[in-house]
PDB file of N, CA and C in Angstrom:
ATOM      1  N   UNK A   1      15.698 -58.630  -9.039  1.00  0.00           N
ATOM      2  CA  UNK A   1      15.699 -58.984 -10.509  1.00  0.00           C
ATOM      3  C   UNK A   1      16.926 -59.804 -10.957  1.00  0.00           C
ATOM      4  N   UNK A   2      16.661 -60.727 -11.660  1.00  0.00           N
ATOM      5  CA  UNK A   2      17.711 -61.631 -12.073  1.00  0.00           C
ATOM      6  C   UNK A   2      18.918 -60.989 -12.833  1.00  0.00           C
ATOM      7  N   UNK A   3      18.502 -60.015 -13.563  1.00  0.00           N
ATOM      8  CA  UNK A   3      19.770 -59.361 -14.461  1.00  0.00           C
ATOM      9  C   UNK A   3      20.395 -58.092 -13.773  1.00  0.00           C
ATOM     10  N   UNK A   4      19.890 -57.740 -12.473  1.00  0.00           N
ATOM     11  CA  UNK A   4      20.479 -56.707 -11.786  1.00  0.00           C
ATOM     12  C   UNK A   4      21.924 -56.977 -11.277  1.00  0.00           C
ATOM     13  N   UNK A   5      22.647 -55.671 -11.362  1.00  0.00           N
ATOM     14  CA  UNK A   5      24.180 -55.940 -10.996  1.00  0.00           C
ATOM     15  C   UNK A   5      24.288 -55.826  -9.569  1.00  0.00           C
ATOM     16  N   UNK A   6      25.253 -56.764  -9.102  1.00  0.00           N
ATOM     17  CA  UNK A   6      25.622 -56.797  -7.846  1.00  0.00           C
ATOM     18  C   UNK A   6      26.202 -55.325  -7.334  1.00  0.00           C
ATOM     19  N   UNK A   7      25.792 -54.753  -6.170  1.00  0.00           N
ATOM     20  CA  UNK A   7      26.349 -53.412  -5.864  1.00  0.00           C
ATOM     21  C   UNK A   7      27.930 -53.307  -6.032  1.00  0.00           C
ATOM     22  N   UNK A   8      28.698 -54.173  -5.682  1.00  0.00           N
ATOM     23  CA  UNK A   8      30.131 -54.315  -5.845  1.00  0.00           C
ATOM     24  C   UNK A   8      30.703 -53.915  -7.117  1.00  0.00           C
ATOM     25  N   UNK A   9      29.782 -54.809  -8.042  1.00  0.00           N
ATOM     26  CA  UNK A   9      30.089 -54.535  -9.479  1.00  0.00           C
ATOM     27  C   UNK A   9      29.983 -53.309 -10.092  1.00  0.00           C
ATOM     28  N   UNK A  10      28.719 -52.938  -9.711  1.00  0.00           N
ATOM     29  CA  UNK A  10      28.268 -51.450 -10.091  1.00  0.00           C
ATOM     30  C   UNK A  10      29.193 -50.385  -9.817  1.00  0.00           C
ATOM     31  N   UNK A  11      29.782 -50.365  -8.287  1.00  0.00           N
ATOM     32  CA  UNK A  11      30.548 -49.378  -7.780  1.00  0.00           C
ATOM     33  C   UNK A  11      31.922 -49.540  -8.552  1.00  0.00           C
ATOM     34  N   UNK A  12      32.282 -50.594  -8.882  1.00  0.00           N
ATOM     35  CA  UNK A  12      33.578 -50.852  -9.605  1.00  0.00           C
ATOM     36  C   UNK A  12      33.520 -50.444 -11.004  1.00  0.00           C
ATOM     37  N   UNK A  13      32.492 -50.949 -11.464  1.00  0.00           N
ATOM     38  CA  UNK A  13      32.473 -50.375 -12.912  1.00  0.00           C
ATOM     39  C   UNK A  13      32.142 -48.767 -12.964  1.00  0.00           C
ATOM     40  N   UNK A  14      31.532 -48.276 -12.013  1.00  0.00           N
ATOM     41  CA  UNK A  14      31.360 -46.563 -12.197  1.00  0.00           C
ATOM     42  C   UNK A  14      32.541 -45.906 -11.861  1.00  0.00           C
ATOM     43  N   UNK A  15      33.376 -46.537 -10.888  1.00  0.00           N
ATOM     44  CA  UNK A  15      34.599 -46.085 -10.681  1.00  0.00           C
ATOM     45  C   UNK A  15      35.533 -45.853 -11.942  1.00  0.00           C
ATOM     46  N   UNK A  16      35.372 -47.298 -12.422  1.00  0.00           N
ATOM     47  CA  UNK A  16      36.435 -47.402 -13.627  1.00  0.00           C
ATOM     48  C   UNK A  16      36.147 -46.522 -14.667  1.00  0.00           C
ATOM     49  N   UNK A  17      34.832 -46.488 -15.000  1.00  0.00           N
ATOM     50  CA  UNK A  17      34.295 -45.408 -16.103  1.00  0.00           C
ATOM     51  C   UNK A  17      34.626 -44.111 -15.870  1.00  0.00           C
ATOM     52  N   UNK A  18      34.354 -43.476 -14.822  1.00  0.00           N
ATOM     53  CA  UNK A  18      34.869 -42.260 -14.334  1.00  0.00           C
ATOM     54  C   UNK A  18      36.505 -41.923 -14.733  1.00  0.00           C
ATOM     55  N   UNK A  19      37.062 -42.731 -14.054  1.00  0.00           N
ATOM     56  CA  UNK A  19      38.529 -42.725 -14.321  1.00  0.00           C
ATOM     57  C   UNK A  19      38.757 -42.756 -15.645  1.00  0.00           C
ATOM     58  N   UNK A  20      38.244 -43.636 -16.364  1.00  0.00           N
ATOM     59  CA  UNK A  20      38.761 -43.755 -17.948  1.00  0.00           C
ATOM     60  C   UNK A  20      38.151 -42.326 -18.682  1.00  0.00           C
ATOM     61  N   UNK A  21      36.978 -41.889 -18.418  1.00  0.00           N
ATOM     62  CA  UNK A  21      36.591 -40.669 -18.996  1.00  0.00           C
ATOM     63  C   UNK A  21      37.438 -39.469 -18.718  1.00  0.00           C
ATOM     64  N   UNK A  22      37.785 -39.422 -17.557  1.00  0.00           N
ATOM     65  CA  UNK A  22      38.917 -38.358 -17.156  1.00  0.00           C
ATOM     66  C   UNK A  22      40.309 -38.469 -17.715  1.00  0.00           C
ATOM     67  N   UNK A  23      40.584 -39.834 -18.084  1.00  0.00           N
ATOM     68  CA  UNK A  23      41.949 -40.017 -18.526  1.00  0.00           C
ATOM     69  C   UNK A  23      41.863 -39.725 -20.245  1.00  0.00           C
ATOM     70  N   UNK A  24      40.707 -40.075 -20.627  1.00  0.00           N
ATOM     71  CA  UNK A  24      40.459 -39.933 -22.069  1.00  0.00           C
ATOM     72  C   UNK A  24      40.570 -38.420 -22.322  1.00  0.00           C
ATOM     73  N   UNK A  25      39.874 -37.555 -21.466  1.00  0.00           N
ATOM     74  CA  UNK A  25      39.959 -36.013 -21.563  1.00  0.00           C
ATOM     75  C   UNK A  25      41.414 -35.476 -21.501  1.00  0.00           C
ATOM     76  N   UNK A  26      42.217 -36.254 -20.707  1.00  0.00           N
ATOM     77  CA  UNK A  26      43.624 -35.797 -20.554  1.00  0.00           C
ATOM     78  C   UNK A  26      44.550 -36.468 -21.585  1.00  0.00           C
ATOM     79  N   UNK A  27      43.903 -37.340 -22.592  1.00  0.00           N
ATOM     80  CA  UNK A  27      44.692 -38.008 -23.500  1.00  0.00           C
ATOM     81  C   UNK A  27      45.535 -39.041 -23.087  1.00  0.00           C
ATOM     82  N   UNK A  28      45.468 -39.655 -21.848  1.00  0.00           N
ATOM     83  CA  UNK A  28      46.237 -40.550 -21.216  1.00  0.00           C
ATOM     84  C   UNK A  28      45.683 -42.105 -21.857  1.00  0.00           C
ATOM     85  N   UNK A  29      46.358 -42.270 -22.947  1.00  0.00           N
ATOM     86  CA  UNK A  29      45.863 -43.709 -23.545  1.00  0.00           C
ATOM     87  C   UNK A  29      46.157 -44.898 -22.720  1.00  0.00           C
ATOM     88  N   UNK A  30      47.323 -44.974 -22.004  1.00  0.00           N
ATOM     89  CA  UNK A  30      47.632 -46.164 -21.193  1.00  0.00           C
ATOM     90  C   UNK A  30      46.506 -46.262 -20.100  1.00  0.00           C
ATOM     91  N   UNK A  31      46.016 -45.238 -19.461  1.00  0.00           N
ATOM     92  CA  UNK A  31      45.069 -45.395 -18.438  1.00  0.00           C
ATOM     93  C   UNK A  31      43.655 -45.840 -19.061  1.00  0.00           C
ATOM     94  N   UNK A  32      43.480 -45.210 -20.157  1.00  0.00           N
ATOM     95  CA  UNK A  32      42.010 -45.662 -20.765  1.00  0.00           C
ATOM     96  C   UNK A  32      42.213 -46.980 -21.254  1.00  0.00           C
ATOM     97  N   UNK A  33      43.280 -47.490 -21.588  1.00  0.00           N
ATOM     98  CA  UNK A  33      43.489 -48.856 -22.161  1.00  0.00           C
ATOM     99  C   UNK A  33      43.231 -49.891 -20.965  1.00  0.00           C
ATOM    100  N   UNK A  34      43.868 -49.499 -19.813  1.00  0.00           N
ATOM    101  CA  UNK A  34      43.717 -50.374 -18.680  1.00  0.00           C
ATOM    102  C   UNK A  34      42.379 -50.307 -18.057  1.00  0.00           C
ATOM    103  N   UNK A  35      41.660 -49.262 -18.162  1.00  0.00           N
ATOM    104  CA  UNK A  35      40.283 -49.260 -17.908  1.00  0.00           C
ATOM    105  C   UNK A  35      39.536 -50.060 -18.600  1.00  0.00           C
ATOM    106  N   UNK A  36      39.462 -49.769 -19.912  1.00  0.00           N
ATOM    107  CA  UNK A  36      38.650 -50.663 -20.855  1.00  0.00           C
ATOM    108  C   UNK A  36      38.959 -52.118 -20.536  1.00  0.00           C
ATOM    109  N   UNK A  37      40.170 -52.499 -20.412  1.00  0.00           N
ATOM    110  CA  UNK A  37      40.448 -54.046 -20.162  1.00  0.00           C
ATOM    111  C   UNK A  37      39.689 -54.363 -18.846  1.00  0.00           C
ATOM    112  N   UNK A  38      39.846 -53.587 -17.857  1.00  0.00           N
ATOM    113  CA  UNK A  38      39.095 -53.916 -16.659  1.00  0.00           C
ATOM    114  C   UNK A  38      37.708 -53.987 -16.870  1.00  0.00           C
ATOM    115  N   UNK A  39      37.210 -53.165 -17.460  1.00  0.00           N
ATOM    116  CA  UNK A  39      35.781 -52.995 -17.890  1.00  0.00           C
ATOM    117  C   UNK A  39      35.045 -54.392 -18.606  1.00  0.00           C
ATOM    118  N   UNK A  40      35.843 -54.813 -19.559  1.00  0.00           N
ATOM    119  CA  UNK A  40      35.890 -55.818 -20.270  1.00  0.00           C
ATOM    120  C   UNK A  40      35.777 -57.175 -19.607  1.00  0.00           C
ATOM    121  N   UNK A  41      36.704 -57.244 -18.609  1.00  0.00           N
ATOM    122  CA  UNK A  41      36.879 -58.374 -17.812  1.00  0.00           C
ATOM    123  C   UNK A  41      35.745 -58.496 -16.727  1.00  0.00           C
ATOM    124  N   UNK A  42      35.283 -57.304 -16.252  1.00  0.00           N
ATOM    125  CA  UNK A  42      34.185 -57.340 -15.317  1.00  0.00           C
ATOM    126  C   UNK A  42      32.815 -57.860 -16.016  1.00  0.00           C
ATOM    127  N   UNK A  43      32.598 -57.335 -17.485  1.00  0.00           N
ATOM    128  CA  UNK A  43      31.588 -57.254 -18.129  1.00  0.00           C
ATOM    129  C   UNK A  43      31.411 -59.101 -18.437  1.00  0.00           C
ATOM    130  N   UNK A  44      32.479 -59.555 -18.787  1.00  0.00           N
ATOM    131  CA  UNK A  44      32.795 -60.889 -19.085  1.00  0.00           C
ATOM    132  C   UNK A  44      32.248 -61.858 -17.918  1.00  0.00           C
ATOM    133  N   UNK A  45      32.888 -61.482 -16.765  1.00  0.00           N
ATOM    134  CA  UNK A  45      32.637 -62.454 -15.714  1.00  0.00           C
ATOM    135  C   UNK A  45      31.591 -61.938 -14.468  1.00  0.00           C
ATOM    136  N   UNK A  46      31.249 -60.861 -14.583  1.00  0.00           N
ATOM    137  CA  UNK A  46      30.508 -60.522 -13.345  1.00  0.00           C
ATOM    138  C   UNK A  46      28.785 -59.971 -13.874  1.00  0.00           C
ATOM    139  N   UNK A  47      28.818 -59.654 -15.026  1.00  0.00           N
ATOM    140  CA  UNK A  47      27.500 -59.239 -15.626  1.00  0.00           C
ATOM    141  C   UNK A  47      26.806 -60.174 -16.168  1.00  0.00           C
ATOM    142  N   UNK A  48      25.725 -60.683 -15.455  1.00  0.00           N
ATOM    143  CA  UNK A  48      24.963 -61.752 -15.888  1.00  0.00           C
ATOM    144  C   UNK A  48      24.015 -61.417 -17.027  1.00  0.00           C
ATOM    145  N   UNK A  49      23.453 -60.055 -16.926  1.00  0.00           N
ATOM    146  CA  UNK A  49      22.334 -59.653 -18.233  1.00  0.00           C
ATOM    147  C   UNK A  49      23.126 -59.447 -19.501  1.00  0.00           C
ATOM    148  N   UNK A  50      22.668 -60.419 -20.470  1.00  0.00           N
ATOM    149  CA  UNK A  50      23.184 -60.330 -21.516  1.00  0.00           C
ATOM    150  C   UNK A  50      23.204 -59.001 -22.426  1.00  0.00           C
ATOM    151  N   UNK A  51      22.153 -58.488 -22.116  1.00  0.00           N
ATOM    152  CA  UNK A  51      21.932 -57.028 -23.055  1.00  0.00           C
ATOM    153  C   UNK A  51      23.144 -55.830 -22.304  1.00  0.00           C
ATOM    154  N   UNK A  52      23.178 -55.656 -21.035  1.00  0.00           N
ATOM    155  CA  UNK A  52      23.979 -55.079 -20.391  1.00  0.00           C
ATOM    156  C   UNK A  52      25.451 -55.229 -20.816  1.00  0.00           C
ATOM    157  N   UNK A  53      25.725 -56.663 -20.810  1.00  0.00           N
ATOM    158  CA  UNK A  53      27.051 -57.194 -21.022  1.00  0.00           C
ATOM    159  C   UNK A  53      27.439 -56.659 -22.635  1.00  0.00           C
ATOM    160  N   UNK A  54      26.528 -56.925 -23.369  1.00  0.00           N
ATOM    161  CA  UNK A  54      27.031 -56.593 -24.680  1.00  0.00           C
ATOM    162  C   UNK A  54      26.865 -54.966 -25.073  1.00  0.00           C
ATOM    163  N   UNK A  55      26.118 -54.339 -24.268  1.00  0.00           N
ATOM    164  CA  UNK A  55      26.415 -52.747 -24.364  1.00  0.00           C
ATOM    165  C   UNK A  55      27.731 -52.380 -23.924  1.00  0.00           C
ATOM    166  N   UNK A  56      27.971 -53.019 -22.868  1.00  0.00           N
ATOM    167  CA  UNK A  56      29.414 -52.602 -22.221  1.00  0.00           C
ATOM    168  C   UNK A  56      30.485 -52.991 -23.192  1.00  0.00           C
ATOM    169  N   UNK A  57      30.329 -54.295 -23.866  1.00  0.00           N
ATOM    170  CA  UNK A  57      31.444 -54.611 -24.519  1.00  0.00           C
ATOM    171  C   UNK A  57      31.507 -53.811 -26.020  1.00  0.00           C
ATOM    172  N   UNK A  58      30.280 -53.422 -26.447  1.00  0.00           N
ATOM    173  CA  UNK A  58      30.403 -52.556 -27.613  1.00  0.00           C
ATOM    174  C   UNK A  58      31.085 -51.275 -27.194  1.00  0.00           C
ATOM    175  N   UNK A  59      30.748 -50.690 -26.164  1.00  0.00           N
ATOM    176  CA  UNK A  59      31.322 -49.453 -25.564  1.00  0.00           C
ATOM    177  C   UNK A  59      32.817 -49.539 -25.485  1.00  0.00           C
ATOM    178  N   UNK A  60      33.292 -50.536 -24.969  1.00  0.00           N
ATOM    179  CA  UNK A  60      34.737 -50.758 -24.897  1.00  0.00           C
ATOM    180  C   UNK A  60      35.511 -50.864 -26.319  1.00  0.00           C
ATOM    181  N   UNK A  61      34.835 -51.632 -27.317  1.00  0.00           N
ATOM    182  CA  UNK A  61      35.407 -51.725 -28.469  1.00  0.00           C
ATOM    183  C   UNK A  61      35.356 -50.233 -29.105  1.00  0.00           C
ATOM    184  N   UNK A  62      34.291 -49.542 -28.881  1.00  0.00           N
ATOM    185  CA  UNK A  62      34.202 -48.147 -29.703  1.00  0.00           C
ATOM    186  C   UNK A  62      35.255 -47.227 -28.954  1.00  0.00           C
ATOM    187  N   UNK A  63      35.424 -47.245 -27.697  1.00  0.00           N
ATOM    188  CA  UNK A  63      36.371 -46.383 -27.042  1.00  0.00           C
ATOM    189  C   UNK A  63      37.860 -46.810 -27.236  1.00  0.00           C
ATOM    190  N   UNK A  64      38.169 -48.045 -27.439  1.00  0.00           N
ATOM    191  CA  UNK A  64      39.427 -48.391 -27.918  1.00  0.00           C
ATOM    192  C   UNK A  64      39.714 -48.004 -29.444  1.00  0.00           C
ATOM    193  N   UNK A  65      38.745 -47.726 -30.214  1.00  0.00           N
ATOM    194  CA  UNK A  65      38.695 -47.538 -31.705  1.00  0.00           C
ATOM    195  C   UNK A  65      38.981 -45.874 -31.841  1.00  0.00           C
ATOM    196  N   UNK A  66      38.544 -45.135 -30.812  1.00  0.00           N
ATOM    197  CA  UNK A  66      38.337 -43.763 -31.025  1.00  0.00           C
ATOM    198  C   UNK A  66      39.551 -42.867 -30.079  1.00  0.00           C
ATOM    199  N   UNK A  67      40.137 -43.742 -29.372  1.00  0.00           N
ATOM    200  CA  UNK A  67      40.835 -42.961 -28.353  1.00  0.00           C
ATOM    201  C   UNK A  67      42.110 -42.305 -28.909  1.00  0.00           C
ATOM    202  N   UNK A  68      42.564 -42.653 -29.909  1.00  0.00           N
ATOM    203  CA  UNK A  68      43.850 -41.846 -30.516  1.00  0.00           C
ATOM    204  C   UNK A  68      43.389 -40.706 -31.398  1.00  0.00           C
ATOM    205  N   UNK A  69      42.378 -40.890 -32.109  1.00  0.00           N
ATOM    206  CA  UNK A  69      41.979 -39.869 -33.151  1.00  0.00           C
ATOM    207  C   UNK A  69      41.113 -38.794 -32.451  1.00  0.00           C
ATOM    208  N   UNK A  70      40.113 -39.417 -31.479  1.00  0.00           N
ATOM    209  CA  UNK A  70      39.040 -38.672 -30.771  1.00  0.00           C
ATOM    210  C   UNK A  70      38.887 -38.992 -29.451  1.00  0.00           C
ATOM    211  N   UNK A  71      39.795 -38.556 -28.769  1.00  0.00           N
ATOM    212  CA  UNK A  71      39.618 -38.891 -27.100  1.00  0.00           C
ATOM    213  C   UNK A  71      38.394 -38.328 -26.496  1.00  0.00           C
ATOM    214  N   UNK A  72      37.840 -37.166 -26.994  1.00  0.00           N
ATOM    215  CA  UNK A  72      36.640 -36.787 -26.449  1.00  0.00           C
ATOM    216  C   UNK A  72      35.356 -37.641 -26.706  1.00  0.00           C
ATOM    217  N   UNK A  73      35.365 -38.179 -27.732  1.00  0.00           N
ATOM    218  CA  UNK A  73      34.374 -39.205 -28.292  1.00  0.00           C
ATOM    219  C   UNK A  73      34.530 -40.405 -27.316  1.00  0.00           C
ATOM    220  N   UNK A  74      35.902 -40.809 -27.036  1.00  0.00           N
ATOM    221  CA  UNK A  74      36.215 -41.866 -26.265  1.00  0.00           C
ATOM    222  C   UNK A  74      35.383 -41.538 -24.733  1.00  0.00           C
ATOM    223  N   UNK A  75      35.721 -40.371 -24.194  1.00  0.00           N
ATOM    224  CA  UNK A  75      35.081 -40.143 -23.088  1.00  0.00           C
ATOM    225  C   UNK A  75      33.667 -40.172 -23.100  1.00  0.00           C
ATOM    226  N   UNK A  76      33.029 -39.600 -24.119  1.00  0.00           N
ATOM    227  CA  UNK A  76      31.589 -39.704 -24.063  1.00  0.00           C
ATOM    228  C   UNK A  76      31.055 -41.253 -24.195  1.00  0.00           C
ATOM    229  N   UNK A  77      31.683 -42.018 -24.735  1.00  0.00           N
ATOM    230  CA  UNK A  77      31.313 -43.594 -24.720  1.00  0.00           C
ATOM    231  C   UNK A  77      31.478 -44.147 -23.255  1.00  0.00           C
ATOM    232  N   UNK A  78      32.586 -43.840 -22.594  1.00  0.00           N
ATOM    233  CA  UNK A  78      32.708 -44.246 -21.252  1.00  0.00           C
ATOM    234  C   UNK A  78      31.555 -43.535 -20.149  1.00  0.00           C
ATOM    235  N   UNK A  79      31.271 -42.376 -20.520  1.00  0.00           N
ATOM    236  CA  UNK A  79      30.420 -41.646 -19.791  1.00  0.00           C
ATOM    237  C   UNK A  79      28.900 -42.229 -19.958  1.00  0.00           C
ATOM    238  N   UNK A  80      28.495 -42.719 -21.291  1.00  0.00           N
ATOM    239  CA  UNK A  80      27.591 -43.211 -21.651  1.00  0.00           C
ATOM    240  C   UNK A  80      27.320 -44.707 -20.809  1.00  0.00           C
ATOM    241  N   UNK A  81      28.438 -45.347 -20.967  1.00  0.00           N
ATOM    242  CA  UNK A  81      28.463 -46.685 -20.179  1.00  0.00           C
ATOM    243  C   UNK A  81      28.019 -46.467 -18.779  1.00  0.00           C
ATOM    244  N   UNK A  82      28.634 -45.403 -18.086  1.00  0.00           N
ATOM    245  CA  UNK A  82      28.297 -45.207 -16.786  1.00  0.00           C
ATOM    246  C   UNK A  82      26.933 -44.886 -16.358  1.00  0.00           C
ATOM    247  N   UNK A  83      26.396 -44.015 -17.233  1.00  0.00           N
ATOM    248  CA  UNK A  83      24.819 -43.801 -17.332  1.00  0.00           C
ATOM    249  C   UNK A  83      24.135 -45.141 -17.354  1.00  0.00           C
ATOM    250  N   UNK A  84      24.321 -45.987 -18.274  1.00  0.00           N
ATOM    251  CA  UNK A  84      23.781 -47.282 -18.183  1.00  0.00           C
ATOM    252  C   UNK A  84      24.036 -48.019 -17.123  1.00  0.00           C
ATOM    253  N   UNK A  85      24.891 -48.054 -16.533  1.00  0.00           N
ATOM    254  CA  UNK A  85      25.186 -48.805 -15.046  1.00  0.00           C
ATOM    255  C   UNK A  85      24.646 -48.056 -13.945  1.00  0.00           C
ATOM    256  N   UNK A  86      24.625 -46.928 -13.970  1.00  0.00           N
ATOM    257  CA  UNK A  86      23.976 -46.033 -13.025  1.00  0.00           C
ATOM    258  C   UNK A  86      22.342 -46.146 -12.908  1.00  0.00           C
ATOM    259  N   UNK A  87      21.704 -46.381 -14.245  1.00  0.00           N
ATOM    260  CA  UNK A  87      20.351 -46.548 -14.312  1.00  0.00           C
ATOM    261  C   UNK A  87      19.872 -47.853 -14.161  1.00  0.00           C
ATOM    262  N   UNK A  88      20.816 -48.859 -14.325  1.00  0.00           N
ATOM    263  CA  UNK A  88      20.463 -50.299 -14.129  1.00  0.00           C
ATOM    264  C   UNK A  88      19.894 -50.543 -13.116  1.00  0.00           C
TER     265      UNK A  88
END
């Protein structure tokens, strides 16, 4: 399939998103920020499917917006993105 993610990109995204969700639950804002930055970079440069890229970028924006006030919501955003990638 043309929009399919390369295995190394999928693996990297899943590891990052898992790490970010754990960090959000621990209220580790710096780690979440780093994870979100890395996911955004991968989405921009390695995800060719426009729909998946836009969903990832939307999730990253929402994770950044909710981290301070609602870290558990941030964790849910990151986990939802991981499910999207795992199901792709």
